N, C-alpha and C. Protein backbone atom coordinates (compact mmCIF):
# COMPACT_ATOMS: atom_id res chain seq x y z
N MET A 1 0.85 -1.17 0.00
CA MET A 1 0.00 0.00 0.00
C MET A 1 0.90 1.25 0.00
N PRO A 2 0.79 2.10 -1.03
CA PRO A 2 1.67 3.27 -1.11
C PRO A 2 1.25 4.38 -0.15
N MET A 3 2.23 5.13 0.29
CA MET A 3 1.97 6.31 1.12
C MET A 3 1.65 7.47 0.21
N THR A 4 0.79 8.35 0.71
CA THR A 4 0.47 9.59 0.00
C THR A 4 0.60 10.72 1.01
N HIS A 5 0.64 11.94 0.50
CA HIS A 5 0.70 13.10 1.39
C HIS A 5 -0.24 14.16 0.87
N ARG A 6 -0.62 15.06 1.77
CA ARG A 6 -1.51 16.16 1.41
C ARG A 6 -1.43 17.22 2.50
N PRO A 7 -1.94 18.43 2.21
CA PRO A 7 -2.00 19.44 3.27
C PRO A 7 -2.89 18.96 4.42
N ALA A 8 -2.45 19.20 5.63
CA ALA A 8 -3.24 18.84 6.80
C ALA A 8 -4.44 19.76 6.91
N THR A 9 -5.51 19.23 7.46
CA THR A 9 -6.71 20.03 7.72
C THR A 9 -7.00 20.01 9.21
N GLU A 10 -7.90 20.86 9.61
CA GLU A 10 -8.33 20.92 11.00
C GLU A 10 -8.82 19.55 11.47
N LEU A 11 -9.45 18.81 10.58
CA LEU A 11 -10.00 17.49 10.93
C LEU A 11 -8.90 16.46 11.24
N ASP A 12 -7.68 16.69 10.75
CA ASP A 12 -6.58 15.75 10.99
C ASP A 12 -5.98 15.91 12.39
N LEU A 13 -6.19 17.04 13.02
CA LEU A 13 -5.48 17.35 14.26
C LEU A 13 -5.80 16.36 15.38
N GLN A 14 -7.02 15.89 15.47
CA GLN A 14 -7.36 14.96 16.55
C GLN A 14 -6.57 13.67 16.43
N ALA A 15 -6.40 13.18 15.21
CA ALA A 15 -5.61 11.96 15.01
C ALA A 15 -4.16 12.20 15.44
N VAL A 16 -3.60 13.35 15.04
CA VAL A 16 -2.21 13.67 15.38
C VAL A 16 -2.02 13.77 16.89
N CYS A 17 -3.03 14.25 17.59
CA CYS A 17 -2.95 14.38 19.05
C CYS A 17 -2.67 13.04 19.73
N GLY A 18 -3.06 11.96 19.11
CA GLY A 18 -2.86 10.64 19.71
C GLY A 18 -1.54 9.97 19.36
N PHE A 19 -0.68 10.61 18.58
CA PHE A 19 0.56 9.98 18.15
C PHE A 19 1.61 9.87 19.26
N ALA A 20 1.69 10.85 20.14
CA ALA A 20 2.68 10.81 21.23
C ALA A 20 2.17 9.90 22.33
N GLN A 21 2.91 8.85 22.62
CA GLN A 21 2.46 7.86 23.60
C GLN A 21 2.79 8.23 25.04
N ASP A 22 3.72 9.16 25.21
CA ASP A 22 4.07 9.61 26.56
C ASP A 22 4.64 11.02 26.49
N ALA A 23 4.95 11.57 27.65
CA ALA A 23 5.43 12.96 27.72
C ALA A 23 6.75 13.14 26.97
N GLN A 24 7.62 12.14 27.01
CA GLN A 24 8.90 12.29 26.31
C GLN A 24 8.70 12.36 24.80
N GLU A 25 7.85 11.49 24.25
CA GLU A 25 7.57 11.55 22.81
C GLU A 25 6.97 12.89 22.43
N LEU A 26 6.08 13.41 23.25
CA LEU A 26 5.49 14.71 22.97
C LEU A 26 6.57 15.80 23.01
N PHE A 27 7.47 15.72 23.98
CA PHE A 27 8.56 16.69 24.08
C PHE A 27 9.41 16.68 22.81
N PHE A 28 9.65 15.51 22.24
CA PHE A 28 10.45 15.42 21.02
C PHE A 28 9.82 16.20 19.87
N PHE A 29 8.51 16.13 19.71
CA PHE A 29 7.92 16.77 18.54
C PHE A 29 7.23 18.09 18.85
N PHE A 30 6.97 18.40 20.11
CA PHE A 30 6.28 19.64 20.44
C PHE A 30 6.66 20.02 21.88
N PRO A 31 7.89 20.52 22.08
CA PRO A 31 8.41 20.75 23.44
C PRO A 31 7.58 21.69 24.30
N LYS A 32 6.84 22.60 23.69
CA LYS A 32 6.06 23.57 24.46
C LYS A 32 4.73 23.01 24.96
N ALA A 33 4.33 21.87 24.44
CA ALA A 33 3.02 21.29 24.78
C ALA A 33 3.09 20.51 26.08
N GLN A 34 1.93 20.32 26.67
CA GLN A 34 1.79 19.52 27.89
C GLN A 34 1.10 18.21 27.51
N PHE A 35 1.58 17.11 28.11
CA PHE A 35 1.00 15.79 27.85
C PHE A 35 -0.24 15.59 28.72
N PRO A 36 -1.30 15.02 28.18
CA PRO A 36 -1.46 14.59 26.80
C PRO A 36 -1.76 15.79 25.89
N LEU A 37 -1.32 15.68 24.65
CA LEU A 37 -1.54 16.74 23.67
C LEU A 37 -3.03 16.88 23.40
N THR A 38 -3.49 18.12 23.44
CA THR A 38 -4.91 18.40 23.17
C THR A 38 -5.07 19.06 21.81
N HIS A 39 -6.27 18.98 21.31
CA HIS A 39 -6.61 19.61 20.04
C HIS A 39 -6.32 21.11 20.11
N THR A 40 -6.62 21.73 21.24
CA THR A 40 -6.40 23.17 21.42
C THR A 40 -4.92 23.53 21.31
N GLN A 41 -4.06 22.74 21.95
CA GLN A 41 -2.61 23.01 21.87
C GLN A 41 -2.11 22.87 20.44
N LEU A 42 -2.51 21.81 19.76
CA LEU A 42 -2.03 21.58 18.40
C LEU A 42 -2.62 22.60 17.43
N ARG A 43 -3.85 23.00 17.65
CA ARG A 43 -4.49 23.98 16.78
C ARG A 43 -3.71 25.30 16.77
N GLN A 44 -3.18 25.71 17.93
CA GLN A 44 -2.42 26.95 17.99
C GLN A 44 -1.17 26.85 17.10
N ALA A 45 -0.44 25.76 17.18
CA ALA A 45 0.74 25.57 16.33
C ALA A 45 0.31 25.52 14.86
N PHE A 46 -0.79 24.85 14.59
CA PHE A 46 -1.32 24.73 13.23
C PHE A 46 -1.60 26.11 12.66
N ALA A 47 -2.14 27.01 13.47
CA ALA A 47 -2.48 28.36 13.01
C ALA A 47 -1.25 29.25 12.82
N GLU A 48 -0.20 29.01 13.61
CA GLU A 48 0.98 29.88 13.58
C GLU A 48 2.05 29.42 12.60
N ARG A 49 1.93 28.22 12.09
CA ARG A 49 2.96 27.65 11.23
C ARG A 49 2.45 27.50 9.80
N ALA A 50 3.33 27.06 8.92
CA ALA A 50 2.97 26.97 7.49
C ALA A 50 3.09 25.54 6.98
N ASP A 51 2.33 25.27 5.95
CA ASP A 51 2.44 24.03 5.17
C ASP A 51 2.36 22.77 6.01
N ALA A 52 1.43 22.76 6.97
CA ALA A 52 1.20 21.53 7.74
C ALA A 52 0.83 20.43 6.74
N THR A 53 1.51 19.31 6.88
CA THR A 53 1.39 18.22 5.91
C THR A 53 1.17 16.91 6.67
N VAL A 54 0.31 16.06 6.12
CA VAL A 54 0.12 14.73 6.68
C VAL A 54 0.47 13.68 5.64
N VAL A 55 0.86 12.52 6.14
CA VAL A 55 1.07 11.34 5.32
C VAL A 55 -0.05 10.39 5.64
N GLU A 56 -0.60 9.77 4.60
CA GLU A 56 -1.64 8.77 4.77
C GLU A 56 -1.13 7.42 4.29
N LEU A 57 -1.57 6.39 4.99
CA LEU A 57 -1.28 5.02 4.62
C LEU A 57 -2.58 4.26 4.82
N GLY A 58 -3.09 3.68 3.75
CA GLY A 58 -4.35 2.96 3.83
C GLY A 58 -5.51 3.86 4.23
N GLY A 59 -5.45 5.13 3.84
CA GLY A 59 -6.53 6.07 4.15
C GLY A 59 -6.47 6.65 5.56
N LYS A 60 -5.45 6.31 6.34
CA LYS A 60 -5.33 6.82 7.70
C LYS A 60 -4.14 7.77 7.80
N VAL A 61 -4.30 8.83 8.56
CA VAL A 61 -3.21 9.77 8.80
C VAL A 61 -2.20 9.08 9.70
N VAL A 62 -0.92 9.03 9.25
CA VAL A 62 0.11 8.33 10.01
C VAL A 62 1.33 9.20 10.33
N ALA A 63 1.39 10.42 9.79
CA ALA A 63 2.54 11.28 10.08
C ALA A 63 2.14 12.74 9.84
N PHE A 64 2.87 13.64 10.50
CA PHE A 64 2.54 15.07 10.47
C PHE A 64 3.82 15.88 10.62
N ALA A 65 3.90 17.01 9.92
CA ALA A 65 4.99 17.98 10.09
C ALA A 65 4.53 19.32 9.53
N ASN A 66 5.32 20.36 9.82
CA ASN A 66 5.03 21.69 9.30
C ASN A 66 6.33 22.48 9.25
N PHE A 67 6.23 23.74 8.81
CA PHE A 67 7.36 24.66 8.86
C PHE A 67 7.10 25.68 9.95
N TYR A 68 8.07 25.86 10.85
CA TYR A 68 7.94 26.94 11.83
C TYR A 68 8.71 28.16 11.36
N ARG A 69 9.51 28.02 10.33
CA ARG A 69 10.14 29.16 9.66
C ARG A 69 10.08 28.85 8.17
N TRP A 70 9.68 29.84 7.40
CA TRP A 70 9.59 29.66 5.96
C TRP A 70 9.91 31.00 5.31
N GLU A 71 11.06 31.05 4.70
CA GLU A 71 11.55 32.28 4.08
C GLU A 71 11.80 32.02 2.60
N MET A 72 11.25 32.89 1.77
CA MET A 72 11.50 32.79 0.34
C MET A 72 12.99 33.01 0.10
N LYS A 73 13.63 32.07 -0.56
CA LYS A 73 15.06 32.10 -0.89
C LYS A 73 15.94 32.21 0.35
N GLY A 74 15.43 31.69 1.46
CA GLY A 74 16.18 31.71 2.71
C GLY A 74 16.18 30.34 3.35
N ARG A 75 15.71 30.30 4.59
CA ARG A 75 15.69 29.07 5.38
C ARG A 75 14.26 28.62 5.61
N CYS A 76 14.04 27.33 5.47
CA CYS A 76 12.80 26.70 5.90
C CYS A 76 13.16 25.72 7.00
N SER A 77 12.45 25.80 8.12
CA SER A 77 12.72 24.94 9.27
C SER A 77 11.53 24.03 9.51
N ILE A 78 11.79 22.74 9.49
CA ILE A 78 10.75 21.74 9.67
C ILE A 78 10.56 21.46 11.16
N GLY A 79 9.30 21.46 11.59
CA GLY A 79 9.00 21.19 12.99
C GLY A 79 7.80 20.29 13.15
N ASN A 80 7.51 19.96 14.40
CA ASN A 80 6.37 19.11 14.78
C ASN A 80 6.35 17.80 14.00
N VAL A 81 7.51 17.22 13.76
CA VAL A 81 7.59 15.95 13.03
C VAL A 81 7.20 14.81 13.96
N VAL A 82 6.17 14.06 13.56
CA VAL A 82 5.71 12.95 14.40
C VAL A 82 5.07 11.88 13.51
N VAL A 83 5.23 10.63 13.94
CA VAL A 83 4.67 9.48 13.22
C VAL A 83 3.82 8.68 14.19
N ALA A 84 2.70 8.20 13.72
CA ALA A 84 1.81 7.35 14.52
C ALA A 84 2.55 6.09 14.94
N PRO A 85 2.34 5.62 16.17
CA PRO A 85 3.04 4.42 16.65
C PRO A 85 2.93 3.22 15.70
N ALA A 86 1.77 3.00 15.13
CA ALA A 86 1.57 1.83 14.26
C ALA A 86 2.33 1.94 12.94
N ALA A 87 2.76 3.14 12.58
CA ALA A 87 3.45 3.33 11.30
C ALA A 87 4.96 3.49 11.47
N ARG A 88 5.45 3.46 12.67
CA ARG A 88 6.90 3.64 12.89
C ARG A 88 7.67 2.46 12.33
N GLY A 89 8.82 2.77 11.75
CA GLY A 89 9.65 1.73 11.16
C GLY A 89 9.19 1.29 9.79
N ARG A 90 8.24 2.02 9.21
CA ARG A 90 7.69 1.65 7.90
C ARG A 90 7.99 2.67 6.82
N GLY A 91 8.86 3.65 7.14
CA GLY A 91 9.26 4.64 6.14
C GLY A 91 8.44 5.90 6.12
N ALA A 92 7.49 6.05 7.03
CA ALA A 92 6.63 7.23 7.02
C ALA A 92 7.41 8.51 7.32
N ALA A 93 8.33 8.46 8.27
CA ALA A 93 9.11 9.66 8.60
C ALA A 93 9.99 10.06 7.43
N ARG A 94 10.64 9.10 6.80
CA ARG A 94 11.47 9.40 5.64
C ARG A 94 10.62 10.03 4.53
N TYR A 95 9.49 9.40 4.24
CA TYR A 95 8.61 9.91 3.18
C TYR A 95 8.16 11.33 3.50
N LEU A 96 7.73 11.57 4.73
CA LEU A 96 7.27 12.90 5.14
C LEU A 96 8.40 13.92 5.01
N MET A 97 9.57 13.59 5.51
CA MET A 97 10.69 14.53 5.43
C MET A 97 11.06 14.83 3.98
N GLU A 98 11.03 13.83 3.12
CA GLU A 98 11.32 14.05 1.70
C GLU A 98 10.32 15.02 1.09
N GLN A 99 9.04 14.91 1.47
CA GLN A 99 8.03 15.81 0.94
C GLN A 99 8.25 17.23 1.45
N MET A 100 8.59 17.37 2.73
CA MET A 100 8.82 18.70 3.30
C MET A 100 10.06 19.36 2.68
N ILE A 101 11.11 18.58 2.47
CA ILE A 101 12.32 19.09 1.83
C ILE A 101 12.00 19.56 0.41
N SER A 102 11.29 18.73 -0.32
CA SER A 102 10.91 19.08 -1.69
C SER A 102 10.08 20.36 -1.72
N LEU A 103 9.15 20.49 -0.80
CA LEU A 103 8.31 21.69 -0.72
C LEU A 103 9.16 22.93 -0.43
N ALA A 104 10.10 22.81 0.50
CA ALA A 104 10.96 23.94 0.84
C ALA A 104 11.77 24.40 -0.37
N PHE A 105 12.35 23.46 -1.10
CA PHE A 105 13.19 23.82 -2.23
C PHE A 105 12.37 24.28 -3.44
N SER A 106 11.20 23.70 -3.67
CA SER A 106 10.42 24.07 -4.85
C SER A 106 9.55 25.30 -4.61
N GLN A 107 8.78 25.31 -3.55
CA GLN A 107 7.85 26.42 -3.32
C GLN A 107 8.54 27.68 -2.79
N TYR A 108 9.53 27.50 -1.92
CA TYR A 108 10.19 28.64 -1.28
C TYR A 108 11.58 28.92 -1.85
N GLN A 109 12.05 28.09 -2.77
CA GLN A 109 13.41 28.19 -3.29
C GLN A 109 14.41 28.37 -2.14
N ALA A 110 14.21 27.61 -1.09
CA ALA A 110 15.04 27.72 0.12
C ALA A 110 16.50 27.46 -0.21
N ARG A 111 17.37 28.19 0.45
CA ARG A 111 18.81 27.96 0.34
C ARG A 111 19.24 26.85 1.31
N GLU A 112 18.45 26.70 2.40
CA GLU A 112 18.72 25.61 3.33
C GLU A 112 17.43 25.21 4.02
N VAL A 113 17.41 23.93 4.41
CA VAL A 113 16.31 23.39 5.20
C VAL A 113 16.94 22.92 6.51
N THR A 114 16.30 23.27 7.62
CA THR A 114 16.82 22.84 8.92
C THR A 114 15.79 22.00 9.64
N VAL A 115 16.31 21.19 10.54
CA VAL A 115 15.49 20.40 11.45
C VAL A 115 16.29 20.28 12.74
N SER A 116 15.60 20.22 13.85
CA SER A 116 16.27 20.09 15.14
C SER A 116 15.78 18.83 15.82
N CYS A 117 16.69 18.21 16.58
CA CYS A 117 16.38 16.90 17.17
C CYS A 117 17.04 16.80 18.54
N PHE A 118 16.27 16.39 19.53
CA PHE A 118 16.82 16.21 20.87
C PHE A 118 17.73 14.99 20.93
N ASN A 119 18.74 15.07 21.79
CA ASN A 119 19.75 14.01 21.86
C ASN A 119 19.16 12.65 22.22
N GLN A 120 18.03 12.58 22.91
CA GLN A 120 17.44 11.29 23.28
C GLN A 120 16.64 10.65 22.15
N ASN A 121 16.40 11.39 21.08
CA ASN A 121 15.57 10.91 19.98
C ASN A 121 16.43 10.18 18.95
N ALA A 122 16.74 8.92 19.25
CA ALA A 122 17.62 8.14 18.38
C ALA A 122 17.05 7.98 16.97
N ALA A 123 15.75 7.79 16.84
CA ALA A 123 15.16 7.59 15.51
C ALA A 123 15.43 8.80 14.62
N GLY A 124 15.21 9.99 15.15
CA GLY A 124 15.47 11.20 14.36
C GLY A 124 16.95 11.38 14.07
N LEU A 125 17.79 11.16 15.08
CA LEU A 125 19.23 11.34 14.89
C LEU A 125 19.80 10.36 13.85
N LEU A 126 19.19 9.21 13.71
CA LEU A 126 19.64 8.25 12.71
C LEU A 126 19.06 8.54 11.33
N LEU A 127 17.86 9.08 11.27
CA LEU A 127 17.22 9.35 9.98
C LEU A 127 17.77 10.59 9.29
N TYR A 128 17.85 11.70 9.99
CA TYR A 128 18.15 12.96 9.33
C TYR A 128 19.47 12.96 8.56
N PRO A 129 20.56 12.40 9.07
CA PRO A 129 21.79 12.36 8.27
C PRO A 129 21.64 11.52 6.99
N LYS A 130 20.80 10.49 7.04
CA LYS A 130 20.57 9.68 5.84
C LYS A 130 19.90 10.50 4.74
N LEU A 131 19.21 11.58 5.13
CA LEU A 131 18.55 12.46 4.16
C LEU A 131 19.47 13.61 3.74
N GLY A 132 20.69 13.63 4.26
CA GLY A 132 21.66 14.65 3.88
C GLY A 132 21.86 15.77 4.88
N PHE A 133 21.13 15.75 6.00
CA PHE A 133 21.27 16.79 7.01
C PHE A 133 22.59 16.61 7.76
N GLU A 134 23.22 17.76 8.07
CA GLU A 134 24.46 17.75 8.84
C GLU A 134 24.31 18.66 10.05
N PRO A 135 24.80 18.23 11.21
CA PRO A 135 24.72 19.07 12.42
C PRO A 135 25.52 20.36 12.22
N PHE A 136 24.97 21.48 12.75
CA PHE A 136 25.72 22.74 12.69
C PHE A 136 25.71 23.48 14.02
N ALA A 137 24.89 23.07 14.98
CA ALA A 137 24.87 23.73 16.28
C ALA A 137 24.20 22.80 17.29
N ILE A 138 24.59 22.99 18.55
CA ILE A 138 23.96 22.27 19.66
C ILE A 138 23.55 23.32 20.69
N GLU A 139 22.29 23.22 21.11
CA GLU A 139 21.72 24.17 22.06
C GLU A 139 21.32 23.43 23.33
N GLU A 140 21.67 23.98 24.47
CA GLU A 140 21.25 23.37 25.73
C GLU A 140 19.81 23.74 26.00
N ARG A 141 19.03 22.76 26.38
CA ARG A 141 17.64 22.96 26.76
C ARG A 141 17.39 22.22 28.07
N VAL A 142 16.21 22.41 28.62
CA VAL A 142 15.78 21.70 29.82
C VAL A 142 14.48 21.00 29.48
N ASP A 143 14.41 19.70 29.77
CA ASP A 143 13.19 18.97 29.47
C ASP A 143 12.15 19.19 30.57
N GLN A 144 11.01 18.53 30.45
CA GLN A 144 9.91 18.77 31.38
C GLN A 144 10.16 18.20 32.77
N GLN A 145 11.20 17.38 32.92
CA GLN A 145 11.57 16.89 34.23
C GLN A 145 12.69 17.75 34.85
N GLY A 146 13.11 18.78 34.13
CA GLY A 146 14.16 19.66 34.62
C GLY A 146 15.56 19.20 34.30
N SER A 147 15.71 18.18 33.49
CA SER A 147 17.03 17.65 33.12
C SER A 147 17.60 18.40 31.92
N ARG A 148 18.92 18.53 31.91
CA ARG A 148 19.60 19.14 30.77
C ARG A 148 19.56 18.18 29.59
N VAL A 149 19.23 18.72 28.41
CA VAL A 149 19.23 17.95 27.18
C VAL A 149 19.87 18.80 26.09
N ALA A 150 20.29 18.13 25.04
CA ALA A 150 20.90 18.84 23.91
C ALA A 150 19.92 18.82 22.73
N LEU A 151 19.70 19.99 22.16
CA LEU A 151 18.92 20.11 20.94
C LEU A 151 19.92 20.29 19.80
N ILE A 152 19.98 19.31 18.92
CA ILE A 152 20.95 19.31 17.83
C ILE A 152 20.28 19.88 16.59
N HIS A 153 20.86 20.97 16.09
CA HIS A 153 20.34 21.64 14.89
C HIS A 153 21.09 21.10 13.67
N MET A 154 20.34 20.70 12.65
CA MET A 154 20.93 20.15 11.43
C MET A 154 20.41 20.91 10.23
N ARG A 155 21.22 20.94 9.19
CA ARG A 155 20.78 21.62 7.97
C ARG A 155 21.15 20.83 6.73
N LEU A 156 20.36 21.09 5.71
CA LEU A 156 20.55 20.53 4.38
C LEU A 156 20.59 21.72 3.43
N LEU A 157 21.71 21.91 2.76
CA LEU A 157 21.85 23.05 1.85
C LEU A 157 21.29 22.69 0.49
N SER A 158 20.74 23.69 -0.19
CA SER A 158 20.29 23.49 -1.57
C SER A 158 21.51 23.28 -2.45
N ALA A 159 21.30 22.77 -3.63
CA ALA A 159 22.41 22.56 -4.55
C ALA A 159 23.09 23.89 -4.85
N ASP A 160 22.33 24.99 -4.97
CA ASP A 160 22.89 26.31 -5.24
C ASP A 160 23.73 26.80 -4.07
N ALA A 161 23.24 26.61 -2.86
CA ALA A 161 23.92 27.10 -1.68
C ALA A 161 25.20 26.33 -1.39
N SER A 162 25.22 25.05 -1.74
CA SER A 162 26.41 24.26 -1.44
C SER A 162 27.46 24.36 -2.54
N ALA A 163 27.10 24.98 -3.65
CA ALA A 163 28.06 25.12 -4.77
C ALA A 163 29.03 26.26 -4.53
């Protein structure tokens, strides 16, 4: 069954709210939110961000992401990346990231695409370099338990920018 993608709608938000299985998973994809994620919390991010996109598999929404920064001929930053538990390990994150990267380079003619990943998020840290992202900065943050964590910022340069 092939994956498809489309712009997210208000109706998709309730499904996305159920993707984070615990507070740590929610922290990985939406650090400002409180667990459990509510429709109201996600709706605010949906309204403030651009190009919210979902991936569907078998007619069900299985992944979600958006841009929290989108600059014409500048930087596009991908955020709120999350995959439904039942779809993990099936290529949904890779497919979603490929669509977001393509959108950044085609629609915004971005010079670079960035994504940030917490040090405890092994799945993200292993995926993003496979897509060509390279670390360029590490920022200290504090998680919801008050522990120090590292937020690793990665970027993918456009062919023009890397030339």
